[in-house]
Protein backbone atom coordinates (compact mmCIF):
# COMPACT_ATOMS: atom_id res chain seq x y z
CA MET A 1 -8.52 -24.93 7.24
CA ALA A 2 -12.22 -24.95 6.45
CA HIS A 3 -13.30 -26.34 3.11
CA HIS A 4 -16.99 -25.47 2.99
CA LYS A 5 -18.17 -22.05 1.96
CA SER A 6 -20.33 -21.72 5.08
CA ALA A 7 -17.42 -22.64 7.36
CA ILE A 8 -15.17 -20.05 5.70
CA LYS A 9 -17.85 -17.39 6.14
CA LYS A 10 -18.31 -18.40 9.79
CA ILE A 11 -14.58 -17.92 10.42
CA ARG A 12 -14.75 -14.46 8.82
CA GLN A 13 -17.75 -13.54 11.00
CA ASP A 14 -16.04 -14.81 14.14
CA ILE A 15 -13.00 -12.62 13.50
CA VAL A 16 -15.15 -9.50 13.01
CA ARG A 17 -17.26 -10.24 16.09
CA THR A 18 -14.22 -11.00 18.23
CA ASN A 19 -12.62 -7.67 17.33
CA ARG A 20 -15.87 -5.79 17.97
CA ASN A 21 -16.39 -7.48 21.34
CA LYS A 22 -12.78 -6.83 22.29
CA SER A 23 -13.20 -3.11 21.64
CA TYR A 24 -16.41 -2.98 23.72
CA ARG A 25 -14.74 -4.83 26.59
CA THR A 26 -11.64 -2.63 26.46
CA ARG A 27 -13.72 0.54 26.43
CA ALA A 28 -15.70 -0.58 29.48
CA ARG A 29 -12.63 -1.71 31.40
CA ASN A 30 -10.85 1.58 30.74
CA ALA A 31 -13.88 3.54 31.96
CA ILE A 32 -14.00 1.48 35.16
CA LYS A 33 -10.26 1.87 35.66
CA GLU A 34 -10.58 5.64 35.32
CA VAL A 35 -13.15 5.73 38.14
CA ARG A 36 -11.06 3.45 40.35
CA HIS A 37 -7.91 5.49 39.73
CA ALA A 38 -9.67 8.72 40.70
CA LEU A 39 -11.02 7.04 43.84
CA HIS A 40 -7.57 5.76 44.74
CA GLU A 41 -6.11 9.24 44.31
CA GLY A 42 -8.91 10.74 46.42
CA GLN A 43 -10.12 13.06 43.67
CA ILE A 44 -13.84 13.40 44.30
CA GLU A 45 -14.79 15.50 41.28
CA ALA A 46 -12.72 13.40 38.90
CA ALA A 47 -14.28 10.21 40.26
CA GLN A 48 -17.79 11.61 39.89
CA ASP A 49 -17.12 12.79 36.32
CA ALA A 50 -15.56 9.46 35.37
CA TYR A 51 -18.53 7.63 36.93
CA ARG A 52 -20.98 9.75 34.91
CA LYS A 53 -19.06 8.85 31.74
CA MET A 54 -18.82 5.18 32.70
CA VAL A 55 -22.54 4.53 33.34
CA PRO A 56 -23.75 4.96 29.71
CA ILE A 57 -20.90 2.78 28.46
CA ILE A 58 -21.84 -0.01 30.86
CA ASP A 59 -25.54 0.39 30.08
CA SER A 60 -24.89 0.16 26.34
CA MET A 61 -22.97 -3.06 26.90
CA VAL A 62 -25.97 -4.47 28.76
CA SER A 63 -28.40 -3.46 26.02
CA SER A 64 -26.20 -5.08 23.37
CA HIS A 65 -25.87 -8.27 25.49
CA HIS A 66 -22.12 -7.93 25.99
CA LEU A 67 -22.48 -7.74 29.76
CA HIS A 68 -25.01 -9.29 32.12
CA LYS A 69 -27.39 -6.79 33.69
CA ASN A 70 -26.64 -7.95 37.24
CA ALA A 71 -22.89 -7.69 36.69
CA ALA A 72 -23.35 -4.15 35.40
CA ALA A 73 -25.60 -3.22 38.32
CA ARG A 74 -23.11 -4.67 40.79
CA THR A 75 -20.20 -2.75 39.25
CA LYS A 76 -22.10 0.54 39.19
CA SER A 77 -23.37 0.04 42.73
CA ARG A 78 -19.95 -0.71 44.20
CA LEU A 79 -18.27 2.23 42.51
CA ASN A 80 -21.09 4.59 43.45
CA HIS A 81 -20.86 3.39 47.07
CA GLN A 82 -17.11 4.08 47.12
CA ILE A 83 -17.69 7.57 45.71
CA LYS A 84 -20.30 8.29 48.39
CA LEU A 85 -17.89 7.09 51.11
CA LEU A 86 -15.20 9.39 49.73
CA VAL A 87 -17.58 12.36 49.66
CA GLU A 88 -18.94 11.75 53.17
CA SER A 89 -15.62 10.96 54.85
CA PRO A 90 -14.01 13.74 56.87
CA GLU A 91 -11.07 15.43 55.21
CA LYS A 92 -7.65 14.28 56.41
CA GLU A 93 -5.36 17.28 56.78
């Protein structure tokens, strides 16, 4: 256990920041999962809607330095590419 006042405060701050970061990360992961689930199910409109909702969440994580800009760009690019492939592919009936 910490004995100095500054060390005790640092522990308090770490707990608050950890919980905040965990909520940001969970929110982003759930948004990405929603897009991937819609893609897996072949639901074009649902995937596009989920992607539109996901992009601002990812961008806000980049602006708050919770996610690297290249990692965000890579994630958005890959999901957008998969959506385009799903839209352009011929329907299987």
